Amino acid sequence: MESLGFDHMPHDTRHTCISMLAEAHVDPVMIKKIVGHSGAMTLTERVYIHLDVKTLLEAINKI
């Protein structure tokens, strides 16, 4: 984002968020759900694991 004087792109914050969630020991399945990595999920994760918004918010609040 040269016009704003930043050396980083908005996508970089995604990497930071994922790293912080992992460091906070958030379950990898929750991290995938939070950031929308459905393509990287197993069939079990995609079809059978249903996490409600409250559970995902609790995971996010760990950071």
PDB file of N, CA and C in Angstrom:
ATOM      1  N   MET A   1       0.844  -1.166   0.000  1.00  0.00           N
ATOM      2  CA  MET A   1       0.000   0.000   0.000  1.00  0.00           C
ATOM      3  C   MET A   1       0.892   1.232   0.000  1.00  0.00           C
ATOM      4  N   GLU A   2       1.561   1.397  -1.063  1.00  0.00           N
ATOM      5  CA  GLU A   2       2.528   2.474  -1.187  1.00  0.00           C
ATOM      6  C   GLU A   2       1.905   3.848  -0.987  1.00  0.00           C
ATOM      7  N   SER A   3       0.679   4.031  -1.483  1.00  0.00           N
ATOM      8  CA  SER A   3       0.041   5.341  -1.384  1.00  0.00           C
ATOM      9  C   SER A   3      -0.212   5.760   0.064  1.00  0.00           C
ATOM     10  N   LEU A   4      -0.311   4.797   0.972  1.00  0.00           N
ATOM     11  CA  LEU A   4      -0.528   5.103   2.376  1.00  0.00           C
ATOM     12  C   LEU A   4       0.763   5.047   3.185  1.00  0.00           C
ATOM     13  N   GLY A   5       1.851   4.680   2.543  1.00  0.00           N
ATOM     14  CA  GLY A   5       3.132   4.616   3.224  1.00  0.00           C
ATOM     15  C   GLY A   5       3.344   3.355   4.045  1.00  0.00           C
ATOM     16  N   PHE A   6       2.561   2.306   3.781  1.00  0.00           N
ATOM     17  CA  PHE A   6       2.714   1.042   4.502  1.00  0.00           C
ATOM     18  C   PHE A   6       3.610   0.099   3.719  1.00  0.00           C
ATOM     19  N   ASP A   7       4.394  -0.696   4.457  1.00  0.00           N
ATOM     20  CA  ASP A   7       5.218  -1.721   3.819  1.00  0.00           C
ATOM     21  C   ASP A   7       4.474  -3.049   3.714  1.00  0.00           C
ATOM     22  N   HIS A   8       3.312  -3.144   4.317  1.00  0.00           N
ATOM     23  CA  HIS A   8       2.573  -4.396   4.357  1.00  0.00           C
ATOM     24  C   HIS A   8       1.248  -4.256   3.624  1.00  0.00           C
ATOM     25  N   MET A   9       0.760  -5.392   3.178  1.00  0.00           N
ATOM     26  CA  MET A   9      -0.531  -5.447   2.506  1.00  0.00           C
ATOM     27  C   MET A   9      -1.590  -5.911   3.522  1.00  0.00           C
ATOM     28  N   PRO A  10      -2.860  -5.608   3.289  1.00  0.00           N
ATOM     29  CA  PRO A  10      -3.910  -6.055   4.207  1.00  0.00           C
ATOM     30  C   PRO A  10      -3.886  -7.566   4.443  1.00  0.00           C
ATOM     31  N   HIS A  11      -3.497  -8.331   3.423  1.00  0.00           N
ATOM     32  CA  HIS A  11      -3.440  -9.791   3.557  1.00  0.00           C
ATOM     33  C   HIS A  11      -2.447 -10.213   4.647  1.00  0.00           C
ATOM     34  N   ASP A  12      -1.438  -9.381   4.907  1.00  0.00           N
ATOM     35  CA  ASP A  12      -0.452  -9.693   5.950  1.00  0.00           C
ATOM     36  C   ASP A  12      -1.114  -9.821   7.320  1.00  0.00           C
ATOM     37  N   THR A  13      -2.175  -9.068   7.556  1.00  0.00           N
ATOM     38  CA  THR A  13      -2.850  -9.155   8.852  1.00  0.00           C
ATOM     39  C   THR A  13      -3.492 -10.529   9.040  1.00  0.00           C
ATOM     40  N   ARG A  14      -3.870 -11.154   7.943  1.00  0.00           N
ATOM     41  CA  ARG A  14      -4.430 -12.506   7.990  1.00  0.00           C
ATOM     42  C   ARG A  14      -3.380 -13.473   8.533  1.00  0.00           C
ATOM     43  N   HIS A  15      -2.154 -13.356   8.039  1.00  0.00           N
ATOM     44  CA  HIS A  15      -1.061 -14.215   8.507  1.00  0.00           C
ATOM     45  C   HIS A  15      -0.795 -13.977   9.993  1.00  0.00           C
ATOM     46  N   THR A  16      -0.811 -12.716  10.384  1.00  0.00           N
ATOM     47  CA  THR A  16      -0.588 -12.372  11.790  1.00  0.00           C
ATOM     48  C   THR A  16      -1.684 -12.965  12.662  1.00  0.00           C
ATOM     49  N   CYS A  17      -2.924 -12.834  12.231  1.00  0.00           N
ATOM     50  CA  CYS A  17      -4.059 -13.364  12.988  1.00  0.00           C
ATOM     51  C   CYS A  17      -3.933 -14.874  13.153  1.00  0.00           C
ATOM     52  N   ILE A  18      -3.626 -15.585  12.079  1.00  0.00           N
ATOM     53  CA  ILE A  18      -3.498 -17.041  12.141  1.00  0.00           C
ATOM     54  C   ILE A  18      -2.356 -17.431  13.075  1.00  0.00           C
ATOM     55  N   SER A  19      -1.254 -16.719  13.002  1.00  0.00           N
ATOM     56  CA  SER A  19      -0.121 -17.001  13.882  1.00  0.00           C
ATOM     57  C   SER A  19      -0.490 -16.779  15.340  1.00  0.00           C
ATOM     58  N   MET A  20      -1.188 -15.680  15.606  1.00  0.00           N
ATOM     59  CA  MET A  20      -1.578 -15.378  16.986  1.00  0.00           C
ATOM     60  C   MET A  20      -2.566 -16.416  17.525  1.00  0.00           C
ATOM     61  N   LEU A  21      -3.498 -16.859  16.692  1.00  0.00           N
ATOM     62  CA  LEU A  21      -4.447 -17.889  17.112  1.00  0.00           C
ATOM     63  C   LEU A  21      -3.708 -19.192  17.427  1.00  0.00           C
ATOM     64  N   ALA A  22      -2.748 -19.547  16.587  1.00  0.00           N
ATOM     65  CA  ALA A  22      -1.971 -20.769  16.826  1.00  0.00           C
ATOM     66  C   ALA A  22      -1.163 -20.655  18.116  1.00  0.00           C
ATOM     67  N   GLU A  23      -0.551 -19.491  18.339  1.00  0.00           N
ATOM     68  CA  GLU A  23       0.229 -19.277  19.560  1.00  0.00           C
ATOM     69  C   GLU A  23      -0.658 -19.325  20.810  1.00  0.00           C
ATOM     70  N   ALA A  24      -1.937 -18.979  20.642  1.00  0.00           N
ATOM     71  CA  ALA A  24      -2.886 -19.024  21.760  1.00  0.00           C
ATOM     72  C   ALA A  24      -3.489 -20.424  21.920  1.00  0.00           C
ATOM     73  N   HIS A  25      -2.962 -21.378  21.170  1.00  0.00           N
ATOM     74  CA  HIS A  25      -3.375 -22.780  21.231  1.00  0.00           C
ATOM     75  C   HIS A  25      -4.833 -22.994  20.838  1.00  0.00           C
ATOM     76  N   VAL A  26      -5.299 -22.189  19.873  1.00  0.00           N
ATOM     77  CA  VAL A  26      -6.642 -22.386  19.337  1.00  0.00           C
ATOM     78  C   VAL A  26      -6.602 -23.613  18.427  1.00  0.00           C
ATOM     79  N   ASP A  27      -7.603 -24.448  18.529  1.00  0.00           N
ATOM     80  CA  ASP A  27      -7.690 -25.666  17.733  1.00  0.00           C
ATOM     81  C   ASP A  27      -7.576 -25.333  16.236  1.00  0.00           C
ATOM     82  N   PRO A  28      -6.749 -26.083  15.496  1.00  0.00           N
ATOM     83  CA  PRO A  28      -6.578 -25.818  14.062  1.00  0.00           C
ATOM     84  C   PRO A  28      -7.878 -25.815  13.260  1.00  0.00           C
ATOM     85  N   VAL A  29      -8.843 -26.641  13.631  1.00  0.00           N
ATOM     86  CA  VAL A  29     -10.134 -26.658  12.926  1.00  0.00           C
ATOM     87  C   VAL A  29     -10.835 -25.317  13.119  1.00  0.00           C
ATOM     88  N   MET A  30     -10.780 -24.775  14.325  1.00  0.00           N
ATOM     89  CA  MET A  30     -11.391 -23.462  14.575  1.00  0.00           C
ATOM     90  C   MET A  30     -10.689 -22.383  13.767  1.00  0.00           C
ATOM     91  N   ILE A  31      -9.370 -22.448  13.703  1.00  0.00           N
ATOM     92  CA  ILE A  31      -8.620 -21.453  12.920  1.00  0.00           C
ATOM     93  C   ILE A  31      -9.070 -21.512  11.464  1.00  0.00           C
ATOM     94  N   LYS A  32      -9.180 -22.697  10.907  1.00  0.00           N
ATOM     95  CA  LYS A  32      -9.618 -22.841   9.512  1.00  0.00           C
ATOM     96  C   LYS A  32     -11.006 -22.244   9.309  1.00  0.00           C
ATOM     97  N   LYS A  33     -11.906 -22.501  10.272  1.00  0.00           N
ATOM     98  CA  LYS A  33     -13.261 -21.951  10.161  1.00  0.00           C
ATOM     99  C   LYS A  33     -13.241 -20.432  10.243  1.00  0.00           C
ATOM    100  N   ILE A  34     -12.447 -19.885  11.155  1.00  0.00           N
ATOM    101  CA  ILE A  34     -12.388 -18.436  11.346  1.00  0.00           C
ATOM    102  C   ILE A  34     -11.883 -17.742  10.091  1.00  0.00           C
ATOM    103  N   VAL A  35     -10.832 -18.281   9.467  1.00  0.00           N
ATOM    104  CA  VAL A  35     -10.226 -17.598   8.322  1.00  0.00           C
ATOM    105  C   VAL A  35     -10.753 -18.083   6.974  1.00  0.00           C
ATOM    106  N   GLY A  36     -11.649 -19.084   6.996  1.00  0.00           N
ATOM    107  CA  GLY A  36     -12.284 -19.517   5.754  1.00  0.00           C
ATOM    108  C   GLY A  36     -11.445 -20.426   4.888  1.00  0.00           C
ATOM    109  N   HIS A  37     -10.616 -21.259   5.488  1.00  0.00           N
ATOM    110  CA  HIS A  37      -9.805 -22.206   4.727  1.00  0.00           C
ATOM    111  C   HIS A  37     -10.557 -23.511   4.498  1.00  0.00           C
ATOM    112  N   SER A  38     -11.734 -23.433   3.930  1.00  0.00           N
ATOM    113  CA  SER A  38     -12.551 -24.633   3.758  1.00  0.00           C
ATOM    114  C   SER A  38     -11.899 -25.635   2.811  1.00  0.00           C
ATOM    115  N   GLY A  39     -11.140 -25.151   1.844  1.00  0.00           N
ATOM    116  CA  GLY A  39     -10.476 -26.055   0.899  1.00  0.00           C
ATOM    117  C   GLY A  39      -9.415 -26.907   1.571  1.00  0.00           C
ATOM    118  N   ALA A  40      -8.846 -26.432   2.668  1.00  0.00           N
ATOM    119  CA  ALA A  40      -7.800 -27.168   3.379  1.00  0.00           C
ATOM    120  C   ALA A  40      -8.378 -28.100   4.432  1.00  0.00           C
ATOM    121  N   MET A  41      -9.682 -28.111   4.568  1.00  0.00           N
ATOM    122  CA  MET A  41     -10.320 -28.917   5.604  1.00  0.00           C
ATOM    123  C   MET A  41     -10.584 -30.337   5.106  1.00  0.00           C
ATOM    124  N   THR A  42     -10.549 -31.271   6.041  1.00  0.00           N
ATOM    125  CA  THR A  42     -10.902 -32.642   5.706  1.00  0.00           C
ATOM    126  C   THR A  42     -12.410 -32.729   5.522  1.00  0.00           C
ATOM    127  N   LEU A  43     -12.852 -33.822   4.976  1.00  0.00           N
ATOM    128  CA  LEU A  43     -14.295 -34.034   4.807  1.00  0.00           C
ATOM    129  C   LEU A  43     -14.998 -33.968   6.157  1.00  0.00           C
ATOM    130  N   THR A  44     -14.405 -34.577   7.158  1.00  0.00           N
ATOM    131  CA  THR A  44     -14.997 -34.554   8.500  1.00  0.00           C
ATOM    132  C   THR A  44     -15.145 -33.134   9.005  1.00  0.00           C
ATOM    133  N   GLU A  45     -14.095 -32.330   8.832  1.00  0.00           N
ATOM    134  CA  GLU A  45     -14.139 -30.938   9.299  1.00  0.00           C
ATOM    135  C   GLU A  45     -15.211 -30.141   8.553  1.00  0.00           C
ATOM    136  N   ARG A  46     -15.308 -30.349   7.230  1.00  0.00           N
ATOM    137  CA  ARG A  46     -16.259 -29.590   6.421  1.00  0.00           C
ATOM    138  C   ARG A  46     -17.704 -29.995   6.691  1.00  0.00           C
ATOM    139  N   VAL A  47     -17.950 -31.273   6.838  1.00  0.00           N
ATOM    140  CA  VAL A  47     -19.317 -31.769   6.879  1.00  0.00           C
ATOM    141  C   VAL A  47     -19.844 -32.002   8.290  1.00  0.00           C
ATOM    142  N   TYR A  48     -19.005 -32.526   9.156  1.00  0.00           N
ATOM    143  CA  TYR A  48     -19.520 -33.001  10.432  1.00  0.00           C
ATOM    144  C   TYR A  48     -19.225 -32.114  11.635  1.00  0.00           C
ATOM    145  N   ILE A  49     -18.247 -31.244  11.531  1.00  0.00           N
ATOM    146  CA  ILE A  49     -17.928 -30.386  12.670  1.00  0.00           C
ATOM    147  C   ILE A  49     -18.610 -29.037  12.462  1.00  0.00           C
ATOM    148  N   HIS A  50     -19.536 -28.727  13.347  1.00  0.00           N
ATOM    149  CA  HIS A  50     -20.273 -27.468  13.274  1.00  0.00           C
ATOM    150  C   HIS A  50     -19.961 -26.653  14.526  1.00  0.00           C
ATOM    151  N   LEU A  51     -19.338 -25.506  14.321  1.00  0.00           N
ATOM    152  CA  LEU A  51     -18.979 -24.635  15.434  1.00  0.00           C
ATOM    153  C   LEU A  51     -19.868 -23.404  15.380  1.00  0.00           C
ATOM    154  N   ASP A  52     -20.480 -23.071  16.498  1.00  0.00           N
ATOM    155  CA  ASP A  52     -21.336 -21.893  16.504  1.00  0.00           C
ATOM    156  C   ASP A  52     -20.493 -20.624  16.630  1.00  0.00           C
ATOM    157  N   VAL A  53     -21.110 -19.508  16.344  1.00  0.00           N
ATOM    158  CA  VAL A  53     -20.414 -18.217  16.347  1.00  0.00           C
ATOM    159  C   VAL A  53     -19.831 -17.903  17.723  1.00  0.00           C
ATOM    160  N   LYS A  54     -20.558 -18.237  18.780  1.00  0.00           N
ATOM    161  CA  LYS A  54     -20.069 -17.966  20.136  1.00  0.00           C
ATOM    162  C   LYS A  54     -18.752 -18.698  20.385  1.00  0.00           C
ATOM    163  N   THR A  55     -18.658 -19.945  19.969  1.00  0.00           N
ATOM    164  CA  THR A  55     -17.431 -20.728  20.141  1.00  0.00           C
ATOM    165  C   THR A  55     -16.279 -20.108  19.357  1.00  0.00           C
ATOM    166  N   LEU A  56     -16.561 -19.684  18.130  1.00  0.00           N
ATOM    167  CA  LEU A  56     -15.515 -19.056  17.310  1.00  0.00           C
ATOM    168  C   LEU A  56     -15.085 -17.724  17.904  1.00  0.00           C
ATOM    169  N   LEU A  57     -16.012 -16.942  18.430  1.00  0.00           N
ATOM    170  CA  LEU A  57     -15.664 -15.671  19.074  1.00  0.00           C
ATOM    171  C   LEU A  57     -14.804 -15.888  20.316  1.00  0.00           C
ATOM    172  N   GLU A  58     -15.123 -16.920  21.070  1.00  0.00           N
ATOM    173  CA  GLU A  58     -14.308 -17.240  22.242  1.00  0.00           C
ATOM    174  C   GLU A  58     -12.867 -17.562  21.818  1.00  0.00           C
ATOM    175  N   ALA A  59     -12.723 -18.266  20.707  1.00  0.00           N
ATOM    176  CA  ALA A  59     -11.381 -18.576  20.195  1.00  0.00           C
ATOM    177  C   ALA A  59     -10.652 -17.306  19.771  1.00  0.00           C
ATOM    178  N   ILE A  60     -11.346 -16.414  19.070  1.00  0.00           N
ATOM    179  CA  ILE A  60     -10.744 -15.153  18.634  1.00  0.00           C
ATOM    180  C   ILE A  60     -10.348 -14.301  19.830  1.00  0.00           C
ATOM    181  N   ASN A  61     -11.167 -14.308  20.857  1.00  0.00           N
ATOM    182  CA  ASN A  61     -10.878 -13.504  22.055  1.00  0.00           C
ATOM    183  C   ASN A  61      -9.677 -14.000  22.840  1.00  0.00           C
ATOM    184  N   LYS A  62      -9.141 -15.145  22.505  1.00  0.00           N
ATOM    185  CA  LYS A  62      -7.919 -15.623  23.154  1.00  0.00           C
ATOM    186  C   LYS A  62      -6.713 -14.779  22.767  1.00  0.00           C
ATOM    187  N   ILE A  63      -6.848 -14.064  21.655  1.00  0.00           N
ATOM    188  CA  ILE A  63      -5.731 -13.193  21.246  1.00  0.00           C
ATOM    189  C   ILE A  63      -6.079 -11.759  21.564  1.00  0.00           C
TER     190      ILE A  63
END
